[in-house]
Protein backbone atom coordinates (compact mmCIF):
# COMPACT_ATOMS: atom_id res chain seq x y z
CA MET A 1 -50.21 25.44 17.54
CA GLN A 2 -50.49 28.97 17.32
CA LEU A 3 -47.30 30.73 16.28
CA ILE A 4 -46.77 34.22 17.34
CA LYS A 5 -43.88 36.84 16.60
CA ALA A 6 -41.55 36.79 19.34
CA ALA A 7 -40.97 40.16 21.22
CA PRO A 8 -37.65 41.82 23.05
CA ALA A 9 -38.97 40.14 26.15
CA ASP A 10 -38.84 36.82 24.71
CA LEU A 11 -35.15 36.91 23.94
CA ASN A 12 -33.93 35.14 27.26
CA ASP A 13 -36.08 32.28 26.82
CA VAL A 14 -35.51 31.83 23.34
CA CYS A 15 -31.61 31.54 24.18
CA ARG A 16 -32.35 29.14 26.79
CA LEU A 17 -34.42 27.12 24.31
CA PHE A 18 -31.51 26.98 21.79
CA GLU A 19 -29.02 26.15 24.52
CA GLN A 20 -31.03 23.33 25.83
CA VAL A 21 -31.57 21.83 22.18
CA ILE A 22 -27.98 22.35 21.42
CA ARG A 23 -26.79 20.64 24.32
CA LYS A 24 -29.05 17.69 23.57
CA MET A 25 -27.47 17.47 19.79
CA ASN A 26 -24.01 17.44 20.92
CA GLU A 27 -24.90 14.28 23.58
CA GLU A 28 -26.24 12.64 20.33
CA GLY A 29 -23.40 13.33 18.08
CA ILE A 30 -25.15 15.99 16.03
CA GLY A 31 -22.62 18.80 15.41
CA GLN A 32 -25.18 20.90 13.60
CA TRP A 33 -24.92 23.95 15.96
CA ASN A 34 -22.53 25.42 18.28
CA TRP A 35 -24.21 27.70 21.04
CA GLY A 36 -22.35 31.35 20.83
CA GLU A 37 -20.71 30.83 17.31
CA TYR A 38 -24.03 29.81 15.32
CA PRO A 39 -26.84 30.60 16.42
CA ASN A 40 -26.06 33.12 19.01
CA GLU A 41 -27.88 35.73 21.09
CA GLN A 42 -27.17 38.55 18.54
CA VAL A 43 -28.55 36.50 15.54
CA LEU A 44 -31.68 35.74 17.49
CA LYS A 45 -32.00 39.42 18.75
CA ASN A 46 -31.72 40.26 15.02
CA ASP A 47 -34.60 37.85 14.03
CA ILE A 48 -36.51 39.60 16.59
CA ASP A 49 -36.14 42.99 15.62
CA LEU A 50 -36.93 41.88 12.13
CA GLY A 51 -40.17 40.23 13.04
CA GLN A 52 -39.08 36.82 11.83
CA LEU A 53 -38.77 35.04 15.06
CA TYR A 54 -41.64 33.13 15.72
CA ILE A 55 -42.61 31.11 18.93
CA SER A 56 -45.26 29.02 20.71
CA ARG A 57 -45.92 28.51 24.43
CA GLU A 58 -47.59 26.29 26.70
CA GLU A 59 -50.53 27.16 28.62
CA ASP A 60 -48.26 27.77 31.66
CA GLY A 61 -45.92 29.73 29.53
CA THR A 62 -43.16 27.28 28.98
CA LEU A 63 -41.61 27.91 25.71
CA GLN A 64 -42.57 25.05 23.25
CA CYS A 65 -40.68 26.06 19.99
CA ALA A 66 -38.92 28.82 18.05
CA VAL A 67 -38.51 29.28 14.42
CA CYS A 68 -37.23 32.00 11.96
CA ILE A 69 -39.66 32.41 9.12
CA ASN A 70 -38.79 34.72 5.93
CA GLU A 71 -38.05 34.63 2.36
CA GLU A 72 -34.30 34.79 2.52
CA GLN A 73 -32.28 32.00 1.06
CA ASP A 74 -28.55 31.40 1.77
CA PRO A 75 -26.34 31.88 -1.21
CA GLU A 76 -25.43 28.02 -0.89
CA TYR A 77 -29.15 27.38 -1.98
CA ALA A 78 -28.50 28.89 -5.51
CA GLN A 79 -26.61 25.72 -6.27
CA VAL A 80 -29.47 23.33 -5.57
CA ASN A 81 -31.88 22.30 -8.19
CA TRP A 82 -35.13 22.91 -6.84
CA LEU A 83 -38.28 21.56 -8.41
CA PHE A 84 -40.99 23.73 -6.78
CA GLY A 85 -42.08 27.37 -6.91
CA VAL A 86 -41.09 30.88 -7.89
CA ARG A 87 -41.90 32.59 -4.71
CA PRO A 88 -40.14 30.41 -2.01
CA GLY A 89 -40.67 31.14 1.80
CA LEU A 90 -38.29 29.40 4.20
CA PHE A 91 -37.65 28.75 7.61
CA HIS A 92 -34.43 28.65 9.63
CA ARG A 93 -33.08 27.82 12.90
CA LEU A 94 -36.13 25.53 14.30
CA ALA A 95 -35.75 24.46 17.84
CA ILE A 96 -38.25 22.40 19.54
CA ASN A 97 -38.00 21.82 23.47
CA THR A 98 -36.54 18.84 24.35
CA GLN A 99 -38.82 18.10 27.32
CA LEU A 100 -41.79 17.88 25.17
CA GLN A 101 -40.74 15.45 22.71
CA GLY A 102 -43.13 12.63 21.54
CA ARG A 103 -46.29 15.00 21.36
CA GLY A 104 -46.16 15.67 17.55
CA LEU A 105 -44.94 19.43 17.89
CA GLY A 106 -42.75 19.10 14.88
CA ARG A 107 -45.79 18.27 12.70
CA GLN A 108 -47.56 20.86 14.10
CA LEU A 109 -44.92 23.38 13.88
CA LEU A 110 -44.56 22.92 10.12
CA ALA A 111 -48.36 23.12 9.35
CA ALA A 112 -48.26 26.38 11.16
CA VAL A 113 -45.07 27.63 9.05
CA GLU A 114 -46.86 26.42 5.84
CA GLN A 115 -50.00 28.69 6.83
CA ILE A 116 -47.72 31.94 7.57
CA LEU A 117 -45.92 31.37 4.36
CA THR A 118 -49.26 30.70 2.37
CA GLU A 119 -50.82 33.87 3.69
CA ARG A 120 -47.58 35.59 2.84
CA GLY A 121 -48.23 34.66 -0.96
CA CYS A 122 -45.36 32.00 -1.27
CA ASP A 123 -45.97 29.00 -3.54
CA CYS A 124 -43.41 26.60 -2.02
CA LEU A 125 -41.59 26.12 1.23
CA ARG A 126 -37.69 25.12 1.42
CA CYS A 127 -35.41 24.45 4.21
CA ASP A 128 -32.39 22.27 5.13
CA THR A 129 -31.07 20.12 8.15
CA TYR A 130 -27.77 18.54 9.15
CA SER A 131 -27.46 15.23 7.34
CA ARG A 132 -26.79 13.52 10.91
CA ASN A 133 -30.10 14.83 12.43
CA LYS A 134 -32.31 11.97 12.12
CA ALA A 135 -35.19 13.36 13.87
CA ALA A 136 -35.60 16.05 11.78
CA LEU A 137 -35.00 14.13 8.56
CA HIS A 138 -37.76 11.58 9.75
CA THR A 139 -40.02 14.90 10.44
CA TYR A 140 -39.45 16.34 6.83
CA ASP A 141 -39.77 13.27 5.18
CA THR A 142 -43.20 12.30 6.88
CA ASN A 143 -44.49 15.71 5.97
CA GLY A 144 -44.16 15.01 2.24
CA MET A 145 -41.13 17.16 1.42
CA ARG A 146 -38.90 16.40 -1.51
CA HIS A 147 -35.26 15.86 -1.16
CA SER A 148 -33.75 18.49 -3.26
CA GLY A 149 -30.02 18.23 -3.05
CA THR A 150 -27.41 19.01 -0.37
CA VAL A 151 -25.12 21.87 0.54
CA ARG A 152 -22.38 22.49 2.77
CA PHE A 153 -21.86 25.40 5.35
CA PRO A 154 -18.26 26.40 6.62
CA GLY A 155 -17.39 24.49 9.80
CA ARG A 156 -19.41 21.77 9.34
CA GLU A 157 -18.16 18.18 8.98
CA GLU A 158 -20.94 16.84 6.66
CA ALA A 159 -23.57 18.18 4.28
CA PHE A 160 -27.06 19.56 4.75
CA VAL A 161 -29.43 17.97 3.15
CA CYS A 162 -32.32 20.46 1.37
CA PHE A 163 -35.86 19.94 1.10
CA GLU A 164 -38.94 21.58 -0.40
CA LYS A 165 -42.87 21.33 -0.76
CA PRO A 166 -45.36 23.19 -2.86
CA LEU A 167 -47.81 25.14 -1.00
CA THR A 168 -50.30 26.03 -3.60
CA ALA A 169 -52.67 24.15 -5.97
CA ASP A 170 -50.95 26.21 -9.04
CA CYS A 171 -47.28 26.07 -7.79
CA PRO A 172 -45.21 25.77 -11.07
CA LEU A 173 -42.58 23.21 -11.14
CA LEU A 174 -39.29 24.11 -12.46
CA PRO A 175 -36.43 22.82 -14.87
CA LEU A 176 -35.00 19.68 -13.58
CA ARG A 177 -31.23 18.72 -14.34
CA MET A 178 -31.23 15.07 -15.82
CA HIS A 179 -28.37 12.36 -15.19
CA PRO A 180 -28.18 10.02 -17.96
CA ALA A 181 -27.97 6.29 -18.19
CA SER A 182 -25.12 5.07 -20.60
CA ARG A 183 -24.80 2.38 -23.25
CA GLY A 184 -21.42 1.41 -24.11
CA GLY A 185 -19.25 -1.74 -24.23
CA SER A 186 -20.23 -4.54 -26.49
CA LEU A 187 -23.64 -3.09 -27.08
CA THR A 188 -21.74 0.22 -28.94
CA PRO A 189 -18.82 -1.27 -30.34
CA TRP A 190 -18.52 1.71 -32.65
CA GLY A 191 -18.50 4.49 -29.93
CA GLY A 192 -15.65 6.31 -28.71
CA ASP A 193 -14.22 8.44 -25.98
CA LYS A 194 -15.85 11.95 -26.76
CA LEU A 195 -19.04 11.53 -24.46
CA THR A 196 -16.55 11.05 -21.34
CA SER A 197 -13.59 13.28 -22.25
CA ALA A 198 -15.51 16.43 -23.96
CA TYR A 199 -18.84 16.05 -22.21
CA GLY A 200 -18.29 14.70 -18.73
CA LYS A 201 -20.34 11.55 -19.19
CA GLN A 202 -19.81 8.40 -16.65
CA ALA A 203 -19.96 5.47 -18.23
CA ASP A 204 -20.67 1.84 -17.34
CA ALA A 205 -18.67 0.32 -19.97
CA LEU A 206 -16.29 1.55 -22.46
CA PRO A 207 -16.50 2.60 -25.63
CA LEU A 208 -19.26 4.77 -24.72
CA GLY A 209 -21.62 5.14 -27.72
CA GLU A 210 -24.58 6.46 -26.03
CA SER A 211 -25.69 8.76 -23.43
CA LEU A 212 -29.21 8.53 -22.39
CA GLU A 213 -30.04 12.01 -21.34
CA VAL A 214 -34.02 11.68 -20.99
CA SER A 215 -34.99 8.08 -20.99
CA CYS A 216 -37.83 5.89 -19.34
CA LEU A 217 -36.32 2.72 -21.09
CA PRO A 218 -36.59 -0.21 -18.27
CA GLY A 219 -32.87 -0.44 -16.88
CA LEU A 220 -31.74 2.69 -18.61
CA GLU A 221 -33.76 5.53 -16.66
CA SER A 222 -32.46 9.09 -16.45
CA ARG A 223 -32.47 10.43 -12.93
CA ASP A 224 -32.39 13.81 -10.94
CA ASP A 225 -29.89 15.08 -8.60
CA MET A 226 -31.15 12.91 -5.84
CA GLY A 227 -31.28 9.52 -7.64
CA LYS A 228 -34.88 9.86 -8.54
CA THR A 229 -36.00 8.05 -11.72
CA LEU A 230 -37.80 9.92 -14.60
CA PRO A 231 -40.58 7.30 -14.30
CA GLU A 232 -40.77 7.92 -10.48
CA LEU A 233 -40.93 11.95 -11.05
CA LEU A 234 -43.82 11.34 -13.83
CA ALA A 235 -45.48 8.90 -11.59
CA ALA A 236 -45.22 11.40 -8.42
CA TYR A 237 -46.06 14.79 -10.22
CA GLY A 238 -48.45 13.64 -12.96
CA SER A 239 -49.78 16.17 -15.56
CA ALA A 240 -48.06 19.34 -13.82
CA MET A 241 -44.75 17.36 -14.97
CA ALA A 242 -45.95 15.78 -18.17
CA GLY A 243 -49.19 17.37 -19.15
CA SER A 244 -51.42 14.93 -21.26
CA PHE A 245 -49.06 12.19 -21.27
CA ALA A 246 -49.38 11.87 -17.42
CA GLY A 247 -50.30 8.24 -16.79
CA LYS A 248 -49.32 7.04 -20.17
CA GLU A 249 -46.39 5.56 -21.79
CA PHE A 250 -43.62 8.09 -22.12
CA PRO A 251 -43.02 9.29 -25.70
CA LEU A 252 -39.62 10.33 -26.36
CA LEU A 253 -35.89 9.21 -25.93
CA LEU A 254 -33.07 11.66 -26.06
CA LYS A 255 -29.40 10.69 -26.77
CA LEU A 256 -26.17 11.99 -27.33
CA ILE A 257 -24.32 9.85 -29.71
CA ASP A 258 -20.44 9.44 -30.23
CA ALA A 259 -19.46 7.57 -33.40
CA ALA A 260 -15.96 6.49 -33.52
CA SER A 261 -16.55 3.92 -36.20
CA PRO A 262 -20.04 3.57 -38.30
CA LEU A 263 -23.11 2.15 -37.18
CA SER A 264 -24.64 -0.56 -38.40
CA VAL A 265 -27.05 0.14 -41.51
CA GLN A 266 -30.35 -0.08 -40.19
CA VAL A 267 -34.00 0.76 -40.35
CA HIS A 268 -36.77 1.30 -37.82
CA PRO A 269 -40.49 0.10 -37.43
CA ASP A 270 -43.50 2.38 -37.36
CA ASP A 271 -45.98 2.36 -34.61
CA ALA A 272 -48.49 -0.37 -36.00
CA TYR A 273 -45.70 -2.90 -36.99
CA ALA A 274 -43.91 -2.37 -33.60
CA ARG A 275 -47.20 -3.00 -31.93
CA ALA A 276 -47.91 -6.24 -33.57
CA ASN A 277 -44.65 -7.62 -33.61
CA GLU A 278 -42.71 -6.27 -30.86
CA GLN A 279 -44.67 -6.84 -27.65
CA GLY A 280 -46.87 -3.55 -28.02
CA LYS A 281 -43.65 -1.30 -28.22
CA LEU A 282 -43.68 1.87 -29.82
CA GLY A 283 -42.16 2.46 -33.25
CA LYS A 284 -39.11 4.49 -33.82
CA THR A 285 -39.13 7.99 -35.81
CA GLU A 286 -36.15 10.07 -34.88
CA ALA A 287 -34.15 13.03 -35.81
CA TRP A 288 -30.54 13.80 -35.46
CA LEU A 289 -28.61 17.12 -34.98
CA ILE A 290 -24.85 17.33 -36.03
CA VAL A 291 -23.05 18.41 -33.04
CA GLU A 292 -19.61 17.64 -34.10
CA ALA A 293 -18.14 16.05 -37.35
CA ASP A 294 -14.80 15.59 -38.89
CA PRO A 295 -14.22 17.39 -42.11
CA ASP A 296 -15.05 14.28 -44.47
CA ALA A 297 -17.69 12.89 -42.55
CA GLU A 298 -20.78 11.24 -44.05
CA LEU A 299 -23.87 9.36 -43.14
CA VAL A 300 -26.15 6.90 -44.83
CA TYR A 301 -29.25 8.56 -45.52
CA GLY A 302 -31.92 6.44 -47.44
CA VAL A 303 -30.79 4.24 -50.41
CA VAL A 304 -29.89 5.18 -53.93
CA PRO A 305 -32.86 6.30 -56.23
CA GLY A 306 -34.61 3.30 -58.01
CA THR A 307 -33.07 0.65 -55.47
CA THR A 308 -35.67 -2.21 -54.79
CA LYS A 309 -36.73 -4.21 -51.93
CA GLN A 310 -35.30 -7.27 -53.98
CA GLN A 311 -32.01 -5.56 -54.52
CA LEU A 312 -31.90 -5.16 -50.72
CA ARG A 313 -33.06 -8.88 -50.00
CA GLU A 314 -30.15 -10.27 -52.36
CA ALA A 315 -27.68 -7.76 -50.90
CA GLY A 316 -28.63 -8.76 -47.24
CA GLU A 317 -27.75 -12.30 -48.03
CA ASN A 318 -24.08 -10.74 -49.19
CA GLY A 319 -23.39 -8.28 -46.72
CA PRO A 320 -20.83 -6.15 -48.48
CA ALA A 321 -22.93 -5.96 -51.66
CA ILE A 322 -25.37 -3.39 -49.86
CA SER A 323 -22.89 -0.89 -49.69
CA VAL A 324 -23.77 -0.03 -53.50
CA LEU A 325 -26.90 0.54 -52.74
CA LEU A 326 -26.77 2.87 -49.96
CA ARG A 327 -27.29 6.84 -50.42
CA ARG A 328 -24.46 9.09 -48.78
CA VAL A 329 -24.49 12.45 -47.51
CA LYS A 330 -21.82 14.87 -46.27
CA VAL A 331 -22.68 16.56 -43.03
CA LYS A 332 -21.27 19.23 -40.90
CA PRO A 333 -22.33 20.63 -37.28
CA GLY A 334 -25.67 22.56 -37.67
CA ASP A 335 -27.14 19.79 -40.00
CA VAL A 336 -30.39 18.03 -38.99
CA CYS A 337 -31.61 15.05 -40.57
CA PHE A 338 -35.20 13.66 -39.94
CA ILE A 339 -35.21 9.68 -39.96
CA PRO A 340 -39.08 8.49 -40.25
CA ALA A 341 -39.64 4.93 -39.62
CA GLY A 342 -38.75 2.71 -43.01
CA CYS A 343 -35.88 5.04 -43.78
CA VAL A 344 -32.29 3.23 -44.03
CA HIS A 345 -29.89 5.06 -42.36
CA ALA A 346 -26.30 4.80 -40.50
CA ILE A 347 -24.23 7.44 -38.76
CA GLY A 348 -20.95 7.59 -39.97
CA LYS A 349 -17.43 7.67 -38.11
CA GLY A 350 -16.16 10.83 -36.81
CA ILE A 351 -19.63 12.38 -35.74
CA THR A 352 -21.06 13.36 -32.60
CA LEU A 353 -25.04 14.10 -32.77
CA TYR A 354 -27.96 14.90 -30.64
CA GLU A 355 -30.96 12.44 -31.40
CA ILE A 356 -34.61 13.05 -30.59
CA GLN A 357 -36.53 9.92 -31.14
CA GLN A 358 -39.41 7.72 -30.11
CA SER A 359 -39.27 6.06 -26.68
CA SER A 360 -38.17 2.73 -28.56
CA ASP A 361 -35.12 0.48 -28.44
CA ILE A 362 -36.17 -1.54 -31.60
CA THR A 363 -33.44 -1.39 -34.45
CA TYR A 364 -33.32 -3.78 -37.67
CA ARG A 365 -29.97 -4.33 -38.84
CA PHE A 366 -29.17 -4.87 -42.58
CA TYR A 367 -25.76 -4.89 -42.45
CA ASP A 368 -22.91 -4.42 -39.61
CA TRP A 369 -19.91 -3.80 -41.81
CA ASP A 370 -18.76 -7.37 -40.94
CA ARG A 371 -17.77 -6.04 -37.69
CA THR A 372 -16.52 -8.87 -34.98
CA ASP A 373 -15.90 -8.85 -31.24
CA ALA A 374 -13.26 -10.10 -29.34
CA GLU A 375 -14.59 -13.80 -29.71
CA GLY A 376 -15.08 -13.52 -33.29
CA ARG A 377 -18.49 -13.13 -33.28
CA LYS A 378 -20.96 -10.63 -35.36
CA ARG A 379 -23.67 -8.94 -34.10
CA PRO A 380 -27.10 -10.36 -35.35
CA LEU A 381 -28.80 -8.99 -38.44
CA HIS A 382 -32.72 -8.81 -38.94
CA ILE A 383 -32.99 -8.87 -42.58
CA LYS A 384 -36.74 -10.30 -42.76
CA GLN A 385 -38.00 -7.60 -40.45
CA ALA A 386 -35.98 -5.03 -42.16
CA LEU A 387 -37.33 -5.66 -45.49
CA ASP A 388 -40.84 -5.72 -43.73
CA VAL A 389 -40.84 -2.13 -42.75
CA VAL A 390 -38.25 -0.58 -45.26
CA ASP A 391 -39.23 2.58 -47.26
CA VAL A 392 -37.04 2.51 -50.43
CA ALA A 393 -38.56 5.61 -51.78
CA CYS A 394 -37.24 8.01 -48.48
CA THR A 395 -34.81 10.17 -49.93
CA LEU A 396 -34.94 13.34 -47.67
CA GLN A 397 -31.81 15.88 -47.44
CA PRO A 398 -30.41 17.46 -44.43
CA VAL A 399 -31.57 20.80 -43.42
CA ARG A 400 -29.36 23.65 -41.72
CA ALA A 401 -29.91 25.26 -38.38
CA GLU A 402 -27.58 27.99 -38.22
CA LYS A 403 -29.60 31.23 -37.66
CA GLN A 404 -29.37 32.90 -34.24
CA GLY A 405 -32.08 33.02 -31.68
CA VAL A 406 -34.54 30.04 -31.80
CA THR A 407 -35.25 28.33 -35.22
CA ARG A 408 -37.87 25.33 -35.37
CA VAL A 409 -36.41 23.03 -37.83
CA LEU A 410 -38.50 20.05 -37.15
CA ASP A 411 -42.44 20.07 -36.65
CA GLU A 412 -43.26 16.26 -37.14
CA ASP A 413 -45.86 13.74 -35.90
CA PHE A 414 -44.09 12.88 -32.96
CA PHE A 415 -41.74 15.75 -31.79
CA THR A 416 -40.73 19.20 -32.62
CA LEU A 417 -37.10 20.49 -32.73
CA ASP A 418 -35.82 23.90 -32.07
CA VAL A 419 -32.19 24.61 -31.97
CA ILE A 420 -31.19 27.78 -30.03
CA ARG A 421 -28.20 30.17 -30.82
CA PRO A 422 -28.83 32.61 -27.84
CA GLU A 423 -25.89 35.07 -28.21
CA GLY A 424 -26.60 36.26 -24.89
CA SER A 425 -30.09 35.89 -24.07
CA CYS A 426 -32.89 34.09 -25.84
CA ALA A 427 -36.60 33.41 -25.01
CA LEU A 428 -37.47 29.23 -24.83
CA PRO A 429 -40.59 28.49 -27.06
CA LYS A 430 -43.63 27.95 -24.73
CA VAL A 431 -43.93 24.47 -23.21
CA GLY A 432 -46.96 22.57 -24.32
CA GLU A 433 -46.82 19.05 -22.79
CA PHE A 434 -43.18 19.07 -21.39
CA ALA A 435 -39.92 20.06 -23.27
CA MET A 436 -35.88 18.93 -22.97
CA LEU A 437 -33.39 21.31 -23.23
CA THR A 438 -29.67 20.32 -23.91
CA ALA A 439 -26.67 22.61 -24.07
CA LEU A 440 -24.56 21.23 -27.04
CA THR A 441 -21.73 23.63 -27.54
CA GLY A 442 -21.26 25.67 -24.65
CA ASP A 443 -22.10 26.20 -21.10
CA MET A 444 -25.60 27.98 -20.57
CA ALA A 445 -28.04 28.29 -18.12
CA VAL A 446 -32.03 27.93 -18.25
CA CYS A 447 -33.39 31.08 -16.29
CA TRP A 448 -36.86 32.26 -14.88
CA HIS A 449 -38.05 35.20 -12.74
CA GLY A 450 -35.58 35.28 -9.77
CA SER A 451 -33.45 32.28 -10.48
CA ARG A 452 -31.83 30.07 -12.96
CA LEU A 453 -30.11 26.53 -13.34
CA PRO A 454 -26.78 26.38 -14.97
CA LEU A 455 -25.98 23.88 -17.86
CA LYS A 456 -22.81 22.49 -18.83
CA LYS A 457 -22.12 21.66 -22.09
CA GLY A 458 -23.67 18.28 -23.02
CA GLU A 459 -26.18 18.73 -19.75
CA THR A 460 -30.02 18.13 -20.34
CA CYS A 461 -32.88 19.34 -18.26
CA PHE A 462 -36.32 18.32 -18.06
CA ILE A 463 -38.89 21.27 -18.39
CA PRO A 464 -42.27 20.38 -16.95
CA CYS A 465 -45.76 21.07 -18.30
CA THR A 466 -46.25 23.59 -15.43
CA ALA A 467 -42.73 25.82 -15.81
CA PRO A 468 -42.66 29.25 -15.92
CA ALA A 469 -41.72 31.45 -18.50
CA LEU A 470 -38.12 30.69 -19.50
CA TRP A 471 -35.44 31.97 -21.33
CA VAL A 472 -31.69 30.81 -21.98
CA GLU A 473 -28.84 32.79 -21.30
CA GLY A 474 -24.85 31.90 -22.98
CA ASP A 475 -23.21 31.41 -26.45
CA GLY A 476 -23.08 28.38 -28.57
CA MET A 477 -25.71 25.89 -29.49
CA ALA A 478 -28.60 24.31 -27.68
CA ALA A 479 -31.72 22.13 -28.87
CA VAL A 480 -34.93 21.79 -27.47
CA SER A 481 -37.37 18.99 -28.28
CA MET A 482 -41.01 18.44 -27.27
CA PRO A 483 -43.64 16.21 -28.01
CA LYS A 484 -46.77 16.44 -29.77
CA SER A 485 -49.89 16.38 -27.64
CA PRO A 486 -51.89 13.17 -27.80
CA CYS A 487 -54.72 14.84 -29.07
CA LEU A 488 -52.46 16.04 -32.25
CA GLY A 489 -51.73 12.72 -33.23
CA GLY A 490 -48.37 12.55 -30.94
CA GLN A 491 -49.65 8.98 -29.61
CA ALA A 492 -52.82 6.94 -29.56
């Protein structure tokens, strides 16, 4: 198919084509357009006058199709979390002669549109269609286009589905808002209501203790706006999404945690122990950034200096006795605690925090404060495993992250952590393999040339490896975590 720009002399044929297409739509119950209201003769004339209306004809002169091609996005498109490109090209008002169906004209038309936009220097294609227009939905799906979101236009009963597609090999991937999985109920008996009331999180069970913002844990995967899981996205976009981690075990897990009462006294294994004893899983090194804390809030951060494994063993057999061996530290918002594998720890009551960790769900409990469920049952302890992996010499101190701008507070074997206080606008650190940005104490937006992605308090976006240069706008505190490259020891 060859698309050519329509001339003024083509207007009457184009109008008849749209009348025909709209009549067929109405017969099929598709209320996408109303001829005379939208589109109408003046709209199509404007398209021709601007050189944006393209047509194709049969050899006998019969009009095959018409489509408007430009780089103009409807205002409603600003609310869509697009994944592809910084130079989008678009098509609108696509109409195909209903008497020529079954000849693959839709596929041919899209190929011609893509060629025109690529020649103009566009790196991606965007469009939308009415959610009842099954033929168009099928055509876009089979053309390899991504469902990106939905928009609504005045006077239409249902939403329009947005689609996009990269046009160039070097098309960048944009930040994607993540929708978290939740872990609550009996799994987090220490949880509260802050994640739902203050951060707008949805809970499958209450109390809600953990919001898994970026997760590839089986059954607890985070998702994009259209419900695609993070593992599905990583499989689809490979190294453009995750850099050197493409095709490998996803290395990190990011959570928000609300502790209305203390978590268990626990410890985590390193990679070697976990690989050997936990069916090949990753170990668990983590870090906490305190977001909110009661005035007297404290946490367990290691054991009292001089404590031996034998003392821990004896205390583990008599639960409450372990309390005197625990090293407690006061914390306040902005404190950061690095928790390497082997470090005894417990989040205290009245603390809401951001946790970045290796992608692991392994926890060995020394003590759970004699907590019982509704049936009077205690959660299991793991004294033997905990003693196997504990490092009694681990006595770190919290560090403060209170400077304006970007502060790199941690640069460890498995991840980095930057705390951001933009005070208006602040450039993000350069993304290596991928990054995760969370707005913690205020609404913010992650921005790039020509567009932006708003983030409400508590929302997280995944920043792909090939993202363009980014900056953050807003006030309050945000956090950015990134993995260490496999070649730097982040993952074997």
